[in-house]
Amino acid sequence: METLFVMIEELKTNYHPPFLYHNFYHIYNKAVGSDLLFYTDENYKYFLKKFSFFMNNFVNTYAFCLLPNHFHFLISPIVNDPEIISRQFKRLFISYSMALNKQRGRRGNLFQKNFKRKVVCGENHLKKVVHYIHVNPLHHSVFTDFKNYAYSSYKIIIGTGFTNLKRIDVINWFSGIKEFIDCHKKNKIDIWKELLALEEKI
């Protein structure tokens, strides 16, 4: 057990750790150069559809946010084979890139190579990452009312409709839906401070 703890602590400083079974990972990647990943509502929807197709049988997903030039996911592998997870993400990126390149008449890589992921350990860290992911539209001045941003998991988690997200797990980390909502009511200054502190870790 002590050896596993030491290994996880080392992984937390690595931007490309292996996808270990039942570990939690903050996944993020962006478009190459000044390109965008998403231009239209249909682009966002198509990427989420492709994510479900390629990843749902291999990872649990807890939170996400898609922004014009990058994305964030909080996931946990449910298969005990790191190479399979990496392969599925590669397939996702290739499939979406081919579709967008065809639509936009562009060529070449769309995503930056070697997408980053950070190991997330403990409920306190998990809560901070969930909050960080949800306030990203505000952080990047994409959408000031991040609670109503169409392409994040915030509204899904507080909703009641069907979802593949592990909604109950997330709510339990916050000790209830009220606490989840209250955590996202922090004022802008507090949010900036938390974002800066978290970004130093990721």
N, C-alpha and C. Protein backbone atom coordinates (compact mmCIF):
# COMPACT_ATOMS: atom_id res chain seq x y z
N MET A 1 0.83 -1.20 0.00
CA MET A 1 0.00 0.00 0.00
C MET A 1 0.87 1.25 0.00
N GLU A 2 1.95 1.23 0.80
CA GLU A 2 2.86 2.38 0.85
C GLU A 2 3.53 2.59 -0.49
N THR A 3 3.90 1.51 -1.16
CA THR A 3 4.52 1.62 -2.48
C THR A 3 3.56 2.23 -3.49
N LEU A 4 2.28 1.84 -3.43
CA LEU A 4 1.28 2.39 -4.34
C LEU A 4 1.12 3.88 -4.10
N PHE A 5 1.11 4.31 -2.82
CA PHE A 5 0.97 5.73 -2.51
C PHE A 5 2.13 6.53 -3.07
N VAL A 6 3.34 6.04 -2.92
CA VAL A 6 4.53 6.71 -3.45
C VAL A 6 4.44 6.83 -4.96
N MET A 7 3.99 5.74 -5.62
CA MET A 7 3.88 5.75 -7.07
C MET A 7 2.86 6.79 -7.53
N ILE A 8 1.74 6.89 -6.83
CA ILE A 8 0.72 7.87 -7.20
C ILE A 8 1.24 9.28 -7.01
N GLU A 9 1.97 9.52 -5.92
CA GLU A 9 2.54 10.84 -5.69
C GLU A 9 3.49 11.23 -6.83
N GLU A 10 4.26 10.27 -7.33
CA GLU A 10 5.15 10.53 -8.45
C GLU A 10 4.36 10.81 -9.72
N LEU A 11 3.27 10.08 -9.92
CA LEU A 11 2.46 10.28 -11.12
C LEU A 11 1.83 11.66 -11.15
N LYS A 12 1.57 12.24 -9.98
CA LYS A 12 0.92 13.55 -9.92
C LYS A 12 1.79 14.64 -10.53
N THR A 13 3.08 14.41 -10.66
CA THR A 13 3.98 15.40 -11.26
C THR A 13 4.26 15.11 -12.73
N ASN A 14 3.60 14.11 -13.28
CA ASN A 14 3.84 13.67 -14.65
C ASN A 14 2.66 14.06 -15.53
N TYR A 15 2.94 14.70 -16.67
CA TYR A 15 1.87 15.12 -17.57
C TYR A 15 1.36 13.99 -18.45
N HIS A 16 2.03 12.85 -18.46
CA HIS A 16 1.61 11.74 -19.31
C HIS A 16 1.70 10.41 -18.56
N PRO A 17 1.06 10.34 -17.38
CA PRO A 17 1.12 9.09 -16.62
C PRO A 17 0.31 7.99 -17.30
N PRO A 18 0.61 6.72 -17.05
CA PRO A 18 -0.20 5.63 -17.60
C PRO A 18 -1.59 5.64 -16.98
N PHE A 19 -2.56 5.15 -17.73
CA PHE A 19 -3.94 5.11 -17.26
C PHE A 19 -4.15 3.86 -16.40
N LEU A 20 -3.95 4.00 -15.09
CA LEU A 20 -4.08 2.87 -14.19
C LEU A 20 -5.53 2.67 -13.79
N TYR A 21 -5.89 1.43 -13.67
CA TYR A 21 -7.25 1.02 -13.34
C TYR A 21 -7.76 1.71 -12.07
N HIS A 22 -8.91 2.38 -12.20
CA HIS A 22 -9.63 3.03 -11.10
C HIS A 22 -8.93 4.26 -10.54
N ASN A 23 -7.82 4.70 -11.11
CA ASN A 23 -7.29 6.01 -10.76
C ASN A 23 -8.16 7.08 -11.41
N PHE A 24 -8.08 8.30 -10.89
CA PHE A 24 -8.81 9.43 -11.48
C PHE A 24 -7.81 10.30 -12.24
N TYR A 25 -8.25 10.81 -13.40
CA TYR A 25 -7.38 11.62 -14.24
C TYR A 25 -8.11 12.86 -14.75
N HIS A 26 -7.42 13.99 -14.68
CA HIS A 26 -7.89 15.21 -15.32
C HIS A 26 -7.23 15.25 -16.71
N ILE A 27 -8.07 15.11 -17.73
CA ILE A 27 -7.61 15.05 -19.12
C ILE A 27 -7.82 16.41 -19.77
N TYR A 28 -6.83 16.90 -20.49
CA TYR A 28 -7.04 18.14 -21.23
C TYR A 28 -6.14 18.20 -22.45
N ASN A 29 -6.66 18.86 -23.48
CA ASN A 29 -5.91 19.03 -24.72
C ASN A 29 -6.47 20.23 -25.47
N LYS A 30 -5.69 20.74 -26.40
CA LYS A 30 -6.13 21.91 -27.17
C LYS A 30 -5.76 21.75 -28.63
N ALA A 31 -6.29 22.65 -29.43
CA ALA A 31 -5.99 22.64 -30.86
C ALA A 31 -4.56 23.12 -31.11
N VAL A 32 -4.02 22.73 -32.23
CA VAL A 32 -2.68 23.19 -32.61
C VAL A 32 -2.73 24.68 -32.95
N GLY A 33 -1.66 25.37 -32.61
CA GLY A 33 -1.55 26.78 -32.97
C GLY A 33 -2.73 27.60 -32.50
N SER A 34 -3.25 28.41 -33.41
CA SER A 34 -4.40 29.27 -33.09
C SER A 34 -5.71 28.70 -33.63
N ASP A 35 -5.68 27.44 -34.05
CA ASP A 35 -6.89 26.80 -34.58
C ASP A 35 -7.91 26.58 -33.48
N LEU A 36 -9.13 26.31 -33.90
CA LEU A 36 -10.21 25.96 -32.97
C LEU A 36 -10.53 24.49 -33.12
N LEU A 37 -11.09 23.92 -32.06
CA LEU A 37 -11.62 22.56 -32.13
C LEU A 37 -13.09 22.55 -32.50
N PHE A 38 -13.79 23.61 -32.09
CA PHE A 38 -15.24 23.66 -32.28
C PHE A 38 -15.64 25.01 -32.88
N TYR A 39 -16.40 24.95 -33.96
CA TYR A 39 -16.85 26.16 -34.64
C TYR A 39 -18.36 26.35 -34.51
N THR A 40 -19.10 25.27 -34.43
CA THR A 40 -20.55 25.32 -34.41
C THR A 40 -21.10 24.46 -33.27
N ASP A 41 -22.37 24.64 -32.97
CA ASP A 41 -23.02 23.79 -31.97
C ASP A 41 -22.91 22.32 -32.36
N GLU A 42 -23.03 22.05 -33.65
CA GLU A 42 -22.96 20.66 -34.10
C GLU A 42 -21.58 20.05 -33.87
N ASN A 43 -20.53 20.87 -33.95
CA ASN A 43 -19.18 20.37 -33.67
C ASN A 43 -19.08 19.88 -32.22
N TYR A 44 -19.59 20.69 -31.29
CA TYR A 44 -19.56 20.29 -29.88
C TYR A 44 -20.33 18.99 -29.67
N LYS A 45 -21.52 18.93 -30.23
CA LYS A 45 -22.37 17.75 -30.06
C LYS A 45 -21.73 16.52 -30.69
N TYR A 46 -21.11 16.71 -31.84
CA TYR A 46 -20.48 15.58 -32.52
C TYR A 46 -19.29 15.05 -31.72
N PHE A 47 -18.51 15.96 -31.14
CA PHE A 47 -17.37 15.51 -30.33
C PHE A 47 -17.85 14.71 -29.12
N LEU A 48 -18.89 15.18 -28.45
CA LEU A 48 -19.43 14.45 -27.30
C LEU A 48 -19.99 13.09 -27.71
N LYS A 49 -20.60 13.06 -28.87
CA LYS A 49 -21.11 11.78 -29.39
C LYS A 49 -19.95 10.82 -29.66
N LYS A 50 -18.88 11.32 -30.26
CA LYS A 50 -17.72 10.49 -30.52
C LYS A 50 -17.04 10.06 -29.22
N PHE A 51 -16.99 10.97 -28.25
CA PHE A 51 -16.42 10.61 -26.95
C PHE A 51 -17.18 9.44 -26.34
N SER A 52 -18.49 9.51 -26.38
CA SER A 52 -19.31 8.42 -25.84
C SER A 52 -19.04 7.11 -26.58
N PHE A 53 -18.94 7.20 -27.89
CA PHE A 53 -18.75 6.00 -28.71
C PHE A 53 -17.41 5.33 -28.41
N PHE A 54 -16.36 6.12 -28.31
CA PHE A 54 -15.02 5.55 -28.15
C PHE A 54 -14.64 5.28 -26.70
N MET A 55 -15.24 6.01 -25.76
CA MET A 55 -14.72 5.95 -24.39
C MET A 55 -15.64 5.33 -23.35
N ASN A 56 -16.95 5.30 -23.58
CA ASN A 56 -17.86 4.90 -22.51
C ASN A 56 -17.66 3.48 -22.00
N ASN A 57 -17.15 2.59 -22.84
CA ASN A 57 -16.91 1.21 -22.41
C ASN A 57 -15.56 1.04 -21.72
N PHE A 58 -14.81 2.12 -21.62
CA PHE A 58 -13.43 2.02 -21.10
C PHE A 58 -13.16 2.93 -19.91
N VAL A 59 -13.95 3.99 -19.77
CA VAL A 59 -13.75 4.91 -18.65
C VAL A 59 -15.10 5.34 -18.07
N ASN A 60 -15.08 5.70 -16.80
CA ASN A 60 -16.18 6.45 -16.21
C ASN A 60 -15.87 7.93 -16.35
N THR A 61 -16.89 8.72 -16.64
CA THR A 61 -16.70 10.16 -16.82
C THR A 61 -17.49 10.89 -15.75
N TYR A 62 -16.84 11.87 -15.11
CA TYR A 62 -17.44 12.56 -13.97
C TYR A 62 -17.72 14.04 -14.26
N ALA A 63 -16.94 14.66 -15.10
CA ALA A 63 -17.14 16.07 -15.42
C ALA A 63 -16.45 16.37 -16.74
N PHE A 64 -16.94 17.41 -17.43
CA PHE A 64 -16.30 17.82 -18.68
C PHE A 64 -16.63 19.27 -18.97
N CYS A 65 -15.83 19.85 -19.82
CA CYS A 65 -16.11 21.17 -20.38
C CYS A 65 -15.40 21.28 -21.72
N LEU A 66 -16.15 21.68 -22.74
CA LEU A 66 -15.58 21.92 -24.07
C LEU A 66 -15.59 23.41 -24.34
N LEU A 67 -14.44 23.95 -24.70
CA LEU A 67 -14.33 25.36 -25.09
C LEU A 67 -13.84 25.43 -26.53
N PRO A 68 -13.93 26.60 -27.15
CA PRO A 68 -13.62 26.65 -28.59
C PRO A 68 -12.30 26.01 -29.00
N ASN A 69 -11.24 26.19 -28.20
CA ASN A 69 -9.94 25.68 -28.63
C ASN A 69 -9.36 24.59 -27.73
N HIS A 70 -10.11 24.15 -26.69
CA HIS A 70 -9.60 23.09 -25.84
C HIS A 70 -10.73 22.41 -25.08
N PHE A 71 -10.39 21.35 -24.33
CA PHE A 71 -11.40 20.64 -23.55
C PHE A 71 -10.78 20.13 -22.25
N HIS A 72 -11.67 19.79 -21.31
CA HIS A 72 -11.29 19.16 -20.04
C HIS A 72 -12.25 18.02 -19.75
N PHE A 73 -11.73 16.91 -19.23
CA PHE A 73 -12.54 15.80 -18.74
C PHE A 73 -11.95 15.30 -17.43
N LEU A 74 -12.81 14.81 -16.56
CA LEU A 74 -12.39 14.06 -15.38
C LEU A 74 -12.89 12.64 -15.56
N ILE A 75 -11.95 11.69 -15.65
CA ILE A 75 -12.32 10.31 -15.96
C ILE A 75 -11.61 9.33 -15.04
N SER A 76 -12.07 8.08 -15.07
CA SER A 76 -11.42 6.99 -14.36
C SER A 76 -11.51 5.72 -15.19
N PRO A 77 -10.40 5.06 -15.50
CA PRO A 77 -10.44 3.83 -16.30
C PRO A 77 -11.21 2.72 -15.60
N ILE A 78 -11.98 1.97 -16.38
CA ILE A 78 -12.71 0.82 -15.84
C ILE A 78 -12.22 -0.48 -16.46
N VAL A 79 -11.12 -0.40 -17.21
CA VAL A 79 -10.46 -1.60 -17.73
C VAL A 79 -9.00 -1.56 -17.27
N ASN A 80 -8.45 -2.70 -16.99
CA ASN A 80 -7.11 -2.78 -16.42
C ASN A 80 -6.07 -2.95 -17.52
N ASP A 81 -6.03 -1.96 -18.43
CA ASP A 81 -5.07 -2.00 -19.54
C ASP A 81 -4.80 -0.58 -20.01
N PRO A 82 -3.73 0.07 -19.53
CA PRO A 82 -3.44 1.45 -19.89
C PRO A 82 -3.36 1.70 -21.39
N GLU A 83 -2.86 0.72 -22.14
CA GLU A 83 -2.70 0.91 -23.58
C GLU A 83 -4.03 1.03 -24.30
N ILE A 84 -5.03 0.31 -23.81
CA ILE A 84 -6.36 0.39 -24.42
C ILE A 84 -6.93 1.80 -24.27
N ILE A 85 -6.78 2.39 -23.09
CA ILE A 85 -7.30 3.74 -22.86
C ILE A 85 -6.62 4.73 -23.80
N SER A 86 -5.29 4.66 -23.88
CA SER A 86 -4.55 5.56 -24.78
C SER A 86 -4.98 5.35 -26.22
N ARG A 87 -5.17 4.10 -26.61
CA ARG A 87 -5.59 3.80 -27.98
C ARG A 87 -6.96 4.39 -28.28
N GLN A 88 -7.88 4.28 -27.33
CA GLN A 88 -9.22 4.80 -27.57
C GLN A 88 -9.23 6.31 -27.68
N PHE A 89 -8.43 6.99 -26.86
CA PHE A 89 -8.33 8.44 -27.00
C PHE A 89 -7.75 8.81 -28.36
N LYS A 90 -6.75 8.06 -28.80
CA LYS A 90 -6.17 8.32 -30.12
C LYS A 90 -7.21 8.16 -31.21
N ARG A 91 -8.02 7.11 -31.12
CA ARG A 91 -9.08 6.90 -32.10
C ARG A 91 -10.09 8.03 -32.08
N LEU A 92 -10.43 8.49 -30.88
CA LEU A 92 -11.35 9.62 -30.75
C LEU A 92 -10.81 10.84 -31.46
N PHE A 93 -9.56 11.20 -31.19
CA PHE A 93 -8.97 12.39 -31.78
C PHE A 93 -8.86 12.28 -33.30
N ILE A 94 -8.47 11.11 -33.80
CA ILE A 94 -8.34 10.93 -35.24
C ILE A 94 -9.70 11.03 -35.91
N SER A 95 -10.70 10.36 -35.34
CA SER A 95 -12.03 10.36 -35.93
C SER A 95 -12.61 11.77 -35.99
N TYR A 96 -12.49 12.51 -34.87
CA TYR A 96 -13.04 13.86 -34.87
C TYR A 96 -12.24 14.78 -35.80
N SER A 97 -10.92 14.64 -35.82
CA SER A 97 -10.08 15.47 -36.68
C SER A 97 -10.42 15.27 -38.15
N MET A 98 -10.62 14.03 -38.55
CA MET A 98 -10.95 13.75 -39.95
C MET A 98 -12.26 14.41 -40.34
N ALA A 99 -13.24 14.34 -39.44
CA ALA A 99 -14.55 14.93 -39.73
C ALA A 99 -14.46 16.46 -39.81
N LEU A 100 -13.74 17.07 -38.86
CA LEU A 100 -13.65 18.54 -38.87
C LEU A 100 -12.80 19.02 -40.03
N ASN A 101 -11.71 18.32 -40.34
CA ASN A 101 -10.88 18.70 -41.47
C ASN A 101 -11.67 18.69 -42.76
N LYS A 102 -12.51 17.67 -42.91
CA LYS A 102 -13.34 17.59 -44.11
C LYS A 102 -14.34 18.74 -44.15
N GLN A 103 -14.94 19.04 -43.02
CA GLN A 103 -15.92 20.12 -42.95
C GLN A 103 -15.29 21.47 -43.23
N ARG A 104 -14.09 21.70 -42.69
CA ARG A 104 -13.45 23.01 -42.78
C ARG A 104 -12.49 23.13 -43.95
N GLY A 105 -12.27 22.05 -44.68
CA GLY A 105 -11.33 22.09 -45.79
C GLY A 105 -9.90 22.32 -45.33
N ARG A 106 -9.55 21.73 -44.20
CA ARG A 106 -8.19 21.91 -43.67
C ARG A 106 -7.45 20.58 -43.71
N ARG A 107 -6.13 20.65 -43.46
CA ARG A 107 -5.30 19.45 -43.43
C ARG A 107 -4.44 19.44 -42.18
N GLY A 108 -3.91 18.27 -41.88
CA GLY A 108 -2.95 18.15 -40.80
C GLY A 108 -3.58 17.89 -39.45
N ASN A 109 -2.71 17.90 -38.44
CA ASN A 109 -3.16 17.63 -37.07
C ASN A 109 -4.09 18.72 -36.58
N LEU A 110 -5.09 18.30 -35.85
CA LEU A 110 -6.01 19.25 -35.23
C LEU A 110 -5.67 19.42 -33.75
N PHE A 111 -5.41 18.31 -33.06
CA PHE A 111 -5.09 18.33 -31.63
C PHE A 111 -3.58 18.37 -31.43
N GLN A 112 -3.14 18.98 -30.34
CA GLN A 112 -1.75 18.89 -29.95
C GLN A 112 -1.42 17.43 -29.62
N LYS A 113 -0.22 17.03 -29.94
CA LYS A 113 0.19 15.66 -29.66
C LYS A 113 0.42 15.47 -28.16
N ASN A 114 0.37 14.20 -27.75
CA ASN A 114 0.65 13.85 -26.35
C ASN A 114 -0.23 14.64 -25.39
N PHE A 115 -1.53 14.43 -25.51
CA PHE A 115 -2.48 15.14 -24.65
C PHE A 115 -2.14 14.92 -23.18
N LYS A 116 -2.40 15.94 -22.37
CA LYS A 116 -1.99 15.92 -20.98
C LYS A 116 -3.05 15.29 -20.08
N ARG A 117 -2.59 14.64 -19.02
CA ARG A 117 -3.48 14.13 -17.99
C ARG A 117 -2.73 14.16 -16.67
N LYS A 118 -3.46 14.49 -15.62
CA LYS A 118 -2.90 14.55 -14.28
C LYS A 118 -3.69 13.65 -13.36
N VAL A 119 -3.00 12.91 -12.53
CA VAL A 119 -3.64 12.05 -11.55
C VAL A 119 -4.29 12.93 -10.48
N VAL A 120 -5.52 12.57 -10.12
CA VAL A 120 -6.28 13.29 -9.10
C VAL A 120 -6.46 12.35 -7.91
N CYS A 121 -6.06 12.79 -6.72
CA CYS A 121 -6.08 11.91 -5.53
C CYS A 121 -6.88 12.54 -4.40
N GLY A 122 -7.86 11.84 -3.90
CA GLY A 122 -8.61 12.29 -2.74
C GLY A 122 -9.81 13.14 -3.10
N GLU A 123 -10.84 13.11 -2.25
CA GLU A 123 -12.08 13.82 -2.55
C GLU A 123 -11.89 15.33 -2.62
N ASN A 124 -11.03 15.90 -1.80
CA ASN A 124 -10.82 17.34 -1.83
C ASN A 124 -10.25 17.78 -3.18
N HIS A 125 -9.28 17.02 -3.68
CA HIS A 125 -8.70 17.32 -4.99
C HIS A 125 -9.73 17.10 -6.10
N LEU A 126 -10.52 16.03 -5.98
CA LEU A 126 -11.56 15.77 -6.97
C LEU A 126 -12.55 16.93 -7.04
N LYS A 127 -12.97 17.44 -5.89
CA LYS A 127 -13.92 18.56 -5.86
C LYS A 127 -13.32 19.80 -6.52
N LYS A 128 -12.05 20.05 -6.26
CA LYS A 128 -11.41 21.22 -6.86
C LYS A 128 -11.32 21.09 -8.37
N VAL A 129 -11.04 19.88 -8.86
CA VAL A 129 -10.95 19.69 -10.31
C VAL A 129 -12.32 19.84 -10.96
N VAL A 130 -13.36 19.28 -10.33
CA VAL A 130 -14.73 19.44 -10.86
C VAL A 130 -15.08 20.92 -10.95
N HIS A 131 -14.81 21.65 -9.87
CA HIS A 131 -15.10 23.08 -9.86
C HIS A 131 -14.29 23.81 -10.92
N TYR A 132 -13.01 23.49 -11.00
CA TYR A 132 -12.13 24.10 -12.00
C TYR A 132 -12.66 23.87 -13.42
N ILE A 133 -13.07 22.64 -13.72
CA ILE A 133 -13.58 22.32 -15.05
C ILE A 133 -14.82 23.14 -15.36
N HIS A 134 -15.72 23.25 -14.39
CA HIS A 134 -16.99 23.94 -14.65
C HIS A 134 -16.84 25.45 -14.80
N VAL A 135 -15.86 26.06 -14.12
CA VAL A 135 -15.72 27.52 -14.23
C VAL A 135 -14.79 27.93 -15.37
N ASN A 136 -14.30 26.96 -16.15
CA ASN A 136 -13.39 27.29 -17.24
C ASN A 136 -13.95 28.29 -18.26
N PRO A 137 -15.24 28.22 -18.60
CA PRO A 137 -15.76 29.24 -19.53
C PRO A 137 -15.60 30.66 -19.01
N LEU A 138 -15.75 30.83 -17.70
CA LEU A 138 -15.53 32.14 -17.08
C LEU A 138 -14.05 32.46 -17.06
N HIS A 139 -13.24 31.50 -16.71
CA HIS A 139 -11.79 31.69 -16.61
C HIS A 139 -11.21 32.18 -17.93
N HIS A 140 -11.72 31.65 -19.03
CA HIS A 140 -11.20 32.01 -20.36
C HIS A 140 -12.06 33.05 -21.07
N SER A 141 -12.96 33.67 -20.32
CA SER A 141 -13.83 34.74 -20.86
C SER A 141 -14.61 34.28 -22.08
N VAL A 142 -15.01 33.01 -22.08
CA VAL A 142 -15.82 32.47 -23.17
C VAL A 142 -17.29 32.68 -22.88
N PHE A 143 -17.67 32.54 -21.60
CA PHE A 143 -19.08 32.64 -21.21
C PHE A 143 -19.11 32.99 -19.74
N THR A 144 -19.65 34.17 -19.39
CA THR A 144 -19.58 34.63 -18.01
C THR A 144 -20.51 33.85 -17.09
N ASP A 145 -21.65 33.42 -17.59
CA ASP A 145 -22.59 32.64 -16.78
C ASP A 145 -22.28 31.16 -16.95
N PHE A 146 -21.19 30.71 -16.32
CA PHE A 146 -20.70 29.35 -16.57
C PHE A 146 -21.72 28.28 -16.15
N LYS A 147 -22.64 28.61 -15.24
CA LYS A 147 -23.62 27.62 -14.80
C LYS A 147 -24.61 27.27 -15.91
N ASN A 148 -24.76 28.15 -16.88
CA ASN A 148 -25.66 27.90 -18.00
C ASN A 148 -24.91 27.65 -19.31
N TYR A 149 -23.61 27.42 -19.20
CA TYR A 149 -22.82 27.11 -20.39
C TYR A 149 -23.27 25.77 -20.96
N ALA A 150 -23.49 25.74 -22.25
CA ALA A 150 -24.13 24.57 -22.88
C ALA A 150 -23.24 23.33 -22.93
N TYR A 151 -21.92 23.53 -22.90
CA TYR A 151 -21.03 22.40 -23.18
C TYR A 151 -20.15 22.06 -21.98
N SER A 152 -20.75 22.04 -20.81
CA SER A 152 -20.09 21.52 -19.62
C SER A 152 -21.07 20.61 -18.90
N SER A 153 -20.57 19.92 -17.89
CA SER A 153 -21.38 18.95 -17.18
C SER A 153 -22.14 19.55 -16.00
N TYR A 154 -21.98 20.84 -15.75
CA TYR A 154 -22.60 21.44 -14.56
C TYR A 154 -24.11 21.21 -14.53
N LYS A 155 -24.80 21.60 -15.60
CA LYS A 155 -26.26 21.49 -15.62
C LYS A 155 -26.71 20.03 -15.64
N ILE A 156 -25.89 19.16 -16.20
CA ILE A 156 -26.22 17.74 -16.22
C ILE A 156 -26.18 17.18 -14.80
N ILE A 157 -25.17 17.60 -14.04
CA ILE A 157 -25.01 17.07 -12.69
C ILE A 157 -26.14 17.51 -11.76
N ILE A 158 -26.63 18.74 -11.92
CA ILE A 158 -27.73 19.19 -11.06
C ILE A 158 -29.09 18.81 -11.63
N GLY A 159 -29.10 18.21 -12.83
CA GLY A 159 -30.36 17.82 -13.45
C GLY A 159 -30.80 16.43 -13.02
N THR A 160 -31.88 15.98 -13.67
CA THR A 160 -32.44 14.66 -13.34
C THR A 160 -32.59 13.76 -14.56
N GLY A 161 -32.24 14.26 -15.72
CA GLY A 161 -32.38 13.46 -16.93
C GLY A 161 -31.33 12.38 -17.02
N PHE A 162 -31.52 11.48 -18.00
CA PHE A 162 -30.55 10.40 -18.19
C PHE A 162 -29.19 10.96 -18.56
N THR A 163 -28.16 10.36 -18.01
CA THR A 163 -26.79 10.73 -18.36
C THR A 163 -25.86 9.56 -18.11
N ASN A 164 -24.81 9.49 -18.91
CA ASN A 164 -23.76 8.50 -18.67
C ASN A 164 -22.73 9.00 -17.65
N LEU A 165 -22.81 10.27 -17.30
CA LEU A 165 -21.91 10.80 -16.27
C LEU A 165 -22.19 10.13 -14.93
N LYS A 166 -21.16 10.00 -14.12
CA LYS A 166 -21.31 9.45 -12.79
C LYS A 166 -21.77 10.56 -11.84
N ARG A 167 -23.00 11.00 -12.08
CA ARG A 167 -23.58 12.14 -11.37
C ARG A 167 -23.63 11.92 -9.86
N ILE A 168 -24.10 10.76 -9.43
CA ILE A 168 -24.26 10.48 -8.00
C ILE A 168 -22.91 10.51 -7.29
N ASP A 169 -21.88 9.97 -7.94
CA ASP A 169 -20.54 10.00 -7.34
C ASP A 169 -20.08 11.43 -7.10
N VAL A 170 -20.28 12.28 -8.10
CA VAL A 170 -19.85 13.68 -7.99
C VAL A 170 -20.61 14.36 -6.86
N ILE A 171 -21.92 14.20 -6.82
CA ILE A 171 -22.72 14.82 -5.76
C ILE A 171 -22.27 14.32 -4.39
N ASN A 172 -21.95 13.06 -4.29
CA ASN A 172 -21.49 12.51 -3.01
C ASN A 172 -20.16 13.10 -2.57
N TRP A 173 -19.27 13.41 -3.53
CA TRP A 173 -18.01 14.06 -3.16
C TRP A 173 -18.26 15.38 -2.44
N PHE A 174 -19.34 16.07 -2.87
CA PHE A 174 -19.68 17.37 -2.29
C PHE A 174 -20.63 17.24 -1.11
N SER A 175 -20.98 16.00 -0.75
CA SER A 175 -21.90 15.72 0.37
C SER A 175 -23.32 16.21 0.11
N GLY A 176 -23.70 16.28 -1.17
CA GLY A 176 -25.08 16.63 -1.49
C GLY A 176 -25.17 17.67 -2.59
N ILE A 177 -26.34 17.75 -3.22
CA ILE A 177 -26.55 18.65 -4.34
C ILE A 177 -26.47 20.12 -3.90
N LYS A 178 -26.99 20.43 -2.69
CA LYS A 178 -26.93 21.80 -2.20
C LYS A 178 -25.48 22.24 -2.05
N GLU A 179 -24.66 21.39 -1.47
CA GLU A 179 -23.25 21.72 -1.27
C GLU A 179 -22.53 21.86 -2.62
N PHE A 180 -22.91 21.02 -3.59
CA PHE A 180 -22.34 21.14 -4.93
C PHE A 180 -22.64 22.51 -5.52
N ILE A 181 -23.91 22.92 -5.43
CA ILE A 181 -24.32 24.22 -5.97
C ILE A 181 -23.64 25.36 -5.21
N ASP A 182 -23.62 25.24 -3.87
CA ASP A 182 -23.01 26.30 -3.05
C ASP A 182 -21.53 26.48 -3.39
N CYS A 183 -20.83 25.37 -3.64
CA CYS A 183 -19.41 25.45 -3.99
C CYS A 183 -19.20 26.26 -5.27
N HIS A 184 -20.16 26.19 -6.17
CA HIS A 184 -20.05 26.90 -7.44
C HIS A 184 -20.56 28.35 -7.37
N LYS A 185 -20.92 28.80 -6.14
CA LYS A 185 -21.39 30.17 -5.96
C LYS A 185 -20.28 31.09 -5.47
N LYS A 186 -19.07 30.61 -5.42
CA LYS A 186 -17.97 31.44 -4.95
C LYS A 186 -17.85 32.70 -5.80
N ASN A 187 -17.44 33.80 -5.17
CA ASN A 187 -17.30 35.03 -5.95
C ASN A 187 -16.08 34.93 -6.87
N LYS A 188 -16.02 35.84 -7.80
CA LYS A 188 -15.01 35.77 -8.85
C LYS A 188 -13.58 35.80 -8.30
N ILE A 189 -13.33 36.60 -7.28
CA ILE A 189 -11.98 36.69 -6.72
C ILE A 189 -11.56 35.35 -6.13
N ASP A 190 -12.48 34.72 -5.39
CA ASP A 190 -12.17 33.42 -4.81
C ASP A 190 -11.92 32.38 -5.89
N ILE A 191 -12.71 32.46 -6.96
CA ILE A 191 -12.53 31.53 -8.07
C ILE A 191 -11.15 31.71 -8.70
N TRP A 192 -10.75 32.96 -8.94
CA TRP A 192 -9.43 33.20 -9.54
C TRP A 192 -8.32 32.62 -8.67
N LYS A 193 -8.43 32.84 -7.35
CA LYS A 193 -7.41 32.33 -6.44
C LYS A 193 -7.33 30.81 -6.51
N GLU A 194 -8.50 30.17 -6.54
CA GLU A 194 -8.52 28.71 -6.58
C GLU A 194 -7.99 28.19 -7.91
N LEU A 195 -8.34 28.88 -8.99
CA LEU A 195 -7.85 28.48 -10.31
C LEU A 195 -6.33 28.56 -10.38
N LEU A 196 -5.79 29.68 -9.87
CA LEU A 196 -4.33 29.84 -9.90
C LEU A 196 -3.66 28.76 -9.06
N ALA A 197 -4.21 28.46 -7.91
CA ALA A 197 -3.62 27.42 -7.05
C ALA A 197 -3.68 26.07 -7.72
N LEU A 198 -4.81 25.77 -8.37
CA LEU A 198 -4.96 24.46 -9.01
C LEU A 198 -4.09 24.35 -10.24
N GLU A 199 -3.98 25.44 -11.02
CA GLU A 199 -3.18 25.38 -12.24
C GLU A 199 -1.69 25.17 -11.93
N GLU A 200 -1.27 25.57 -10.75
CA GLU A 200 0.11 25.29 -10.35
C GLU A 200 0.34 23.79 -10.21
N LYS A 201 -0.75 23.04 -9.92
CA LYS A 201 -0.65 21.59 -9.76
C LYS A 201 -0.77 20.85 -11.08
N ILE A 202 -1.46 21.47 -12.08
CA ILE A 202 -1.72 20.76 -13.32
C ILE A 202 -0.91 21.34 -14.47
